[in-house]
Protein backbone atom coordinates (compact mmCIF):
# COMPACT_ATOMS: atom_id res chain seq x y z
CA MET A 1 120.09 123.86 216.14
CA ARG A 2 122.12 120.82 215.24
CA VAL A 3 125.23 123.15 215.57
CA VAL A 4 124.58 125.27 217.99
CA MET A 5 123.98 122.88 220.67
CA PRO A 6 127.44 121.05 220.56
CA LEU A 7 129.25 124.54 220.28
CA VAL A 8 127.51 125.58 223.44
CA LEU A 9 127.97 122.03 224.62
CA VAL A 10 131.79 122.82 224.13
CA ILE A 11 131.92 125.84 225.53
CA ALA A 12 130.03 124.92 228.47
CA LEU A 13 132.59 121.99 229.18
CA ALA A 14 135.22 124.71 229.01
CA LEU A 15 133.23 127.44 231.66
CA ILE A 16 133.02 124.49 233.67
CA ALA A 17 136.89 123.56 233.87
CA TRP A 18 137.28 127.10 234.60
CA ALA A 19 134.92 127.29 237.56
CA GLY A 20 136.78 124.08 238.92
CA TRP A 21 140.12 126.18 238.39
CA ALA A 22 138.57 129.44 240.61
CA ILE A 23 137.13 127.58 242.88
CA HIS A 24 140.67 125.35 243.55
CA LEU A 25 139.12 122.00 242.60
CA GLN A 26 142.72 121.32 240.54
CA GLY A 27 143.00 118.23 242.40
CA PHE A 28 139.57 116.89 240.80
CA PHE A 29 139.84 117.99 237.52
CA GLY A 30 143.73 117.25 237.22
CA VAL A 31 143.65 113.85 238.86
CA LEU A 32 140.41 112.30 238.94
CA VAL A 33 139.24 113.34 235.89
CA PRO A 34 142.29 112.27 234.03
CA TYR A 35 141.85 108.92 235.45
CA VAL A 36 138.03 108.61 235.03
CA ALA A 37 138.23 109.61 231.07
CA ALA A 38 141.39 107.02 230.36
CA LEU A 39 139.41 104.09 232.06
CA ILE A 40 135.88 104.84 229.78
CA PHE A 41 138.44 104.75 227.03
CA VAL A 42 140.21 102.14 227.38
CA VAL A 43 137.55 100.02 228.56
CA GLY A 44 135.00 101.41 225.86
CA PHE A 45 137.19 101.03 223.12
CA CYS A 46 137.75 97.10 223.96
CA MET A 47 134.11 96.24 224.69
CA LYS A 48 133.49 97.94 221.26
CA VAL A 49 136.16 95.87 219.30
CA VAL A 50 135.14 92.90 221.31
CA ASP A 51 131.85 93.23 220.33
CA TRP A 52 132.28 93.38 216.87
CA ALA A 53 134.85 90.35 216.74
CA LYS A 54 132.14 88.59 217.70
CA SER A 55 129.61 89.57 215.21
CA ALA A 56 129.15 86.27 212.88
CA VAL A 57 129.84 87.63 209.02
CA PRO A 58 126.83 85.89 207.86
CA PHE A 59 128.31 86.85 203.83
CA LYS A 60 132.08 87.33 202.33
CA ILE A 61 131.37 90.83 201.37
CA PRO A 62 134.49 92.35 200.26
CA THR A 63 134.15 95.95 198.68
CA THR A 64 135.94 95.62 195.39
CA GLY A 65 136.71 97.49 192.24
CA GLY A 66 138.84 95.65 189.84
CA GLN A 67 139.30 92.31 187.91
CA GLN A 68 138.55 89.27 190.27
CA LYS A 69 141.19 86.57 190.10
CA THR A 70 140.18 83.70 187.94
CA LEU A 71 142.32 82.35 184.87
CA ASP A 72 145.83 82.39 185.58
CA TRP A 73 146.46 84.19 182.34
CA ILE A 74 144.23 86.99 182.88
CA LYS A 75 146.08 89.59 185.39
CA TYR A 76 143.61 90.85 188.57
CA SER A 77 143.57 93.42 190.93
CA ARG A 78 145.82 92.64 193.75
CA LEU A 79 144.77 95.84 195.77
CA ASP A 80 141.22 96.59 194.59
CA ASN A 81 139.96 92.90 194.63
CA PRO A 82 142.74 90.86 196.99
CA PHE A 83 142.84 86.61 196.83
CA THR A 84 145.14 86.37 199.65
CA PRO A 85 145.41 87.39 202.85
CA LYS A 86 148.84 89.01 202.04
CA GLU A 87 147.08 91.30 199.36
CA VAL A 88 144.45 91.90 202.22
CA VAL A 89 146.71 93.11 204.54
CA LEU A 90 149.02 95.60 201.79
CA ARG A 91 145.22 96.62 201.05
CA MET A 92 144.33 97.55 204.46
CA PHE A 93 147.92 99.12 205.31
CA LEU A 94 147.16 101.96 202.42
CA GLU A 95 143.56 101.72 203.37
CA VAL A 96 145.22 103.29 207.05
CA PHE A 97 147.80 105.08 206.21
CA CYS A 98 147.35 106.61 202.71
CA PHE A 99 143.49 106.89 202.81
CA ARG A 100 143.37 104.91 199.04
CA SER A 101 139.56 104.43 198.93
CA LEU A 102 138.86 107.99 199.58
CA PHE A 103 141.64 109.46 197.31
CA ARG A 104 139.88 106.98 194.37
CA ASN A 105 136.64 108.68 195.79
CA LEU A 106 134.45 110.04 192.73
CA LYS A 107 131.12 112.25 193.42
CA GLY A 108 127.91 112.72 191.31
CA GLU A 109 126.76 115.95 190.87
CA LEU A 110 123.57 116.31 188.68
CA ARG A 111 123.65 119.52 186.44
CA SER A 112 121.65 120.94 183.91
CA GLY A 113 120.49 119.06 180.76
CA PRO A 114 119.86 117.06 183.15
CA ARG A 115 123.69 115.58 183.17
CA LEU A 116 124.98 113.63 185.48
CA ILE A 117 128.86 114.23 185.91
CA TYR A 118 131.55 112.20 188.23
CA GLY A 119 134.54 114.09 189.63
CA PRO A 120 137.24 113.75 191.89
CA THR A 121 137.18 114.80 195.37
CA LYS A 122 140.76 114.99 196.34
CA TRP A 123 140.12 118.32 198.41
CA LEU A 124 138.26 115.78 200.72
CA TRP A 125 141.01 113.14 200.88
CA LEU A 126 143.64 116.16 201.54
CA PHE A 127 141.34 117.53 204.60
CA ALA A 128 141.25 114.29 205.88
CA ILE A 129 145.44 113.76 205.72
CA MET A 130 145.63 117.00 207.41
CA PHE A 131 143.33 116.37 210.22
CA HIS A 132 144.45 112.74 210.78
CA TYR A 133 148.18 113.09 210.45
CA GLY A 134 148.08 116.55 212.44
CA PHE A 135 146.15 114.39 215.17
CA LEU A 136 149.08 111.62 215.11
CA MET A 137 152.07 113.85 215.20
CA VAL A 138 150.20 116.03 218.03
CA LEU A 139 149.32 113.17 220.24
CA LEU A 140 152.89 111.63 219.65
CA HIS A 141 155.28 115.12 220.44
CA HIS A 142 152.89 115.14 223.51
CA LEU A 143 154.67 112.05 224.57
CA ARG A 144 157.69 114.23 225.60
CA LEU A 145 155.51 115.30 228.60
CA ALA A 146 154.86 111.90 229.59
CA THR A 147 158.58 110.35 229.56
CA TYR A 148 162.02 111.12 230.99
CA PRO A 149 163.92 110.73 229.80
CA VAL A 150 162.73 111.38 226.12
CA PRO A 151 163.02 108.45 224.02
CA GLY A 152 164.98 109.86 220.42
CA PRO A 153 162.40 108.88 218.35
CA ILE A 154 159.91 111.45 219.79
CA ALA A 155 162.71 113.92 220.37
CA PHE A 156 163.59 113.57 216.76
CA LEU A 157 159.67 114.22 215.98
CA ASP A 158 159.75 117.11 217.64
CA ARG A 159 162.36 118.69 215.90
CA VAL A 160 160.58 118.03 212.51
CA ASP A 161 157.51 119.03 213.68
CA SER A 162 159.09 122.81 214.76
CA MET A 163 161.57 123.04 211.65
CA PHE A 164 160.28 126.14 210.49
CA GLN A 165 161.10 127.95 213.91
CA ILE A 166 160.15 131.36 213.75
CA GLY A 167 160.99 133.16 216.59
CA ALA A 168 160.26 131.63 220.32
CA PRO A 169 158.94 129.16 221.08
CA PRO A 170 158.80 127.20 217.84
CA ILE A 171 156.00 126.69 215.92
CA TYR A 172 154.89 123.30 215.77
CA LEU A 173 153.16 122.30 212.22
CA SER A 174 151.14 119.53 213.23
CA GLY A 175 148.96 121.79 215.14
CA PHE A 176 148.11 124.45 212.04
CA LEU A 177 147.52 121.13 210.02
CA LEU A 178 145.31 119.40 212.85
CA LEU A 179 143.43 123.01 213.15
CA ALA A 180 143.07 123.76 209.02
CA GLY A 181 141.75 119.83 208.93
CA ALA A 182 139.33 119.82 211.62
CA THR A 183 138.09 123.40 210.28
CA ALA A 184 137.78 121.98 206.64
CA LEU A 185 135.66 119.17 207.83
CA LEU A 186 132.84 121.13 209.80
CA LEU A 187 132.72 123.94 206.90
CA ARG A 188 132.06 121.18 204.59
CA ARG A 189 129.45 119.87 206.96
CA LEU A 190 127.87 123.57 207.11
CA LEU A 191 128.06 124.49 203.24
CA ILE A 192 127.50 121.50 201.14
CA PRO A 193 123.36 121.54 201.53
CA GLN A 194 123.55 117.88 201.15
CA LEU A 195 125.97 116.85 203.89
CA ARG A 196 124.43 119.37 206.13
CA TYR A 197 121.03 117.93 205.85
CA ILE A 198 121.87 114.36 206.55
CA SER A 199 124.20 115.83 209.64
CA LEU A 200 123.90 115.43 213.37
CA VAL A 201 124.57 116.17 216.86
CA ASN A 202 127.12 113.86 216.86
CA ASP A 203 128.81 115.05 213.98
CA TYR A 204 129.50 118.34 214.96
CA PHE A 205 130.28 117.65 218.76
CA PRO A 206 133.32 116.09 218.01
CA LEU A 207 135.11 118.68 215.76
CA PHE A 208 134.07 121.52 217.70
CA LEU A 209 135.78 119.80 220.49
CA ILE A 210 138.73 119.08 219.12
CA ILE A 211 138.69 122.55 217.46
CA GLY A 212 138.41 123.70 220.87
CA ILE A 213 141.13 121.69 222.17
CA VAL A 214 143.30 122.79 219.65
CA ILE A 215 142.76 126.57 220.11
CA THR A 216 143.22 125.94 223.79
CA GLY A 217 146.80 124.37 223.35
CA MET A 218 147.82 127.28 220.87
CA LEU A 219 146.46 129.48 223.46
CA MET A 220 148.73 128.18 226.21
CA ARG A 221 152.08 127.75 223.77
CA TYR A 222 152.08 130.85 221.78
CA PHE A 223 149.73 133.46 223.65
CA ILE A 224 149.44 132.76 227.90
CA ARG A 225 152.26 131.92 229.73
CA THR A 226 152.33 128.20 231.34
CA ASP A 227 154.68 126.62 233.65
CA ILE A 228 155.88 123.62 231.65
CA VAL A 229 157.83 121.98 234.31
CA ALA A 230 154.74 122.06 236.88
CA VAL A 231 152.80 120.51 233.86
CA LYS A 232 155.30 117.92 232.99
CA ALA A 233 155.34 116.81 236.67
CA LEU A 234 151.70 116.55 236.57
CA ILE A 235 151.81 114.22 233.49
CA MET A 236 154.41 112.43 235.25
CA GLY A 237 152.54 111.93 238.06
CA LEU A 238 149.75 110.95 236.51
CA VAL A 239 151.38 108.16 234.20
CA THR A 240 153.25 106.52 237.04
CA PHE A 241 150.42 106.25 239.62
CA HIS A 242 152.00 108.83 241.79
CA PRO A 243 149.63 112.22 240.99
CA THR A 244 150.15 115.56 242.38
CA VAL A 245 149.26 119.09 241.77
CA PRO A 246 151.73 121.25 241.77
CA ASP A 247 150.83 125.07 242.45
CA GLY A 248 151.53 127.28 239.38
CA ILE A 249 149.23 126.08 236.72
CA GLY A 250 147.03 128.28 234.95
CA ALA A 251 143.17 127.87 234.36
CA ILE A 252 144.04 127.69 230.65
CA PHE A 253 145.58 123.88 230.68
CA PHE A 254 142.85 122.75 233.00
CA ILE A 255 140.43 123.56 230.50
CA HIS A 256 142.69 121.88 227.74
CA LEU A 257 142.85 119.00 229.71
CA PHE A 258 139.28 118.60 230.31
CA LEU A 259 138.33 118.98 226.97
CA VAL A 260 140.82 116.54 225.87
CA CYS A 261 139.48 114.18 229.07
CA CYS A 262 135.70 115.15 227.67
CA LEU A 263 137.54 113.36 223.71
CA PHE A 264 138.89 110.38 225.35
CA ALA A 265 135.65 109.58 227.52
CA TYR A 266 133.56 110.11 224.49
CA PHE A 267 135.33 108.39 221.49
CA PRO A 268 134.10 105.10 222.53
CA PHE A 269 130.65 106.13 221.98
CA SER A 270 131.29 107.83 218.65
CA LYS A 271 131.96 107.51 215.17
CA LEU A 272 135.20 108.46 215.84
CA MET A 273 135.77 104.95 216.54
CA HIS A 274 136.27 103.95 213.03
CA MET A 275 139.64 104.01 213.90
CA GLY A 276 139.10 100.66 215.64
CA GLY A 277 136.21 99.41 213.36
CA VAL A 278 138.05 99.86 210.17
CA PHE A 279 140.23 96.23 210.57
CA MET A 280 137.00 94.72 211.42
CA SER A 281 135.23 95.72 208.55
CA PRO A 282 134.25 92.47 206.46
CA THR A 283 134.43 94.77 203.41
CA ARG A 284 138.09 95.32 203.94
CA ASN A 285 139.55 92.37 205.58
CA LEU A 286 138.23 89.57 203.73
CA PRO A 287 139.90 88.24 200.67
CA ASN A 288 137.68 87.98 197.84
CA ASN A 289 138.03 84.21 197.03
CA ASN A 290 134.31 82.78 197.20
CA ARG A 291 135.26 80.64 193.87
CA ALA A 292 138.24 79.03 195.61
CA VAL A 293 137.45 78.84 198.99
CA ARG A 294 133.63 78.04 200.50
CA HIS A 295 132.02 80.58 203.25
CA VAL A 296 130.03 79.16 205.78
CA ASN A 297 127.73 81.34 206.94
CA PRO A 298 127.70 80.76 211.07
CA TRP A 299 124.48 81.54 211.79
CA ASN A 300 123.04 78.63 209.38
CA PRO A 301 121.65 75.85 211.67
CA LYS A 302 123.70 72.24 211.26
CA VAL A 303 122.27 70.30 209.06
CA LYS A 304 122.68 66.58 208.55
CA LEU A 305 123.58 66.00 204.85
CA HIS A 306 121.85 63.01 202.90
CA THR A 307 124.18 61.98 200.32
CA TYR A 308 123.29 60.40 197.14
CA GLU A 309 124.74 57.11 198.06
CA GLU A 310 122.20 57.22 201.06
CA TRP A 311 119.49 57.90 198.77
CA VAL A 312 120.38 55.22 196.85
CA GLU A 313 120.31 52.48 199.44
CA GLU A 314 117.50 53.70 201.12
CA TYR A 315 115.24 53.35 197.82
CA ARG A 316 117.20 50.74 196.11
CA ASP A 317 114.21 48.19 195.99
CA LYS A 318 112.05 50.73 194.41
CA LEU A 319 114.26 52.12 192.06
CA GLU A 320 114.95 48.42 190.45
CA GLU A 321 111.12 47.68 190.60
CA ALA A 322 110.78 51.11 188.36
CA GLY A 323 113.73 49.53 186.29
CA ILE A 324 115.90 53.16 186.83
CA PRO A 325 119.40 52.07 186.50
CA ILE A 326 121.83 52.72 190.19
CA ASP A 327 124.89 51.68 188.83
């Protein structure tokens, strides 16, 4: 049921968009829905990040995987146990762009004996790289629909993405990478019993939604003719706040656009928010310098300190009477 329900929901969303096109609600699905989805995405994303930023960090808890900085003659791990803000920035860069912790991840497996065996899971890192970079490439080369003239970097990226041209139209590798990565992550949840047991509806829904977006995009590009000039006119009207819905845009485009809008509106309330959350995680964005810098818990109430000198002055008479030296 946890698998069927999100699949049925994505199919229902596609049918809603198709029905809207059939009864001539192109203005609703082509103008109002994108604006509402963009507003929900921006406001929801910002509110979530601000809420995380306002949260107190009672303990300094950076994840460590190497030697901590101690004495100068002991070499420490700058990436796995950063001591300075610059080292934290370098660690975050490798984490965000290379998924370094996932690349170094190990999987424990209990085998006959019994024996606990640890092994690498590079295949998971590969699928994650394919999914995320495929998604990034798709988003970037879609910018050619929202800009005029098309910026040079976007045009260059478009040529790189379609370098292996086989016939016409050119085949975008990023779309196949995204589809392969999303499908692999979905199959991982379906085929691994331990992962399937803990997976919920909100784990499957974004995967089915992204797969639906990719499939409708591929159908629109390679199989079902779509008036790209009219599509660009619609997108340019949206980004310039002069919306217009040209005639001749087929149902497949409105299905694709509606699924994209659903993804953007759902984004701030889902696990996809790890895109912004990774920068706010104290396990990643803090240096491990507890021995050099005191971390004060902001939740602790202010305490009036009573120093040793003040204590001596308070009980001087009693200390001298007892013969206890106070110097």
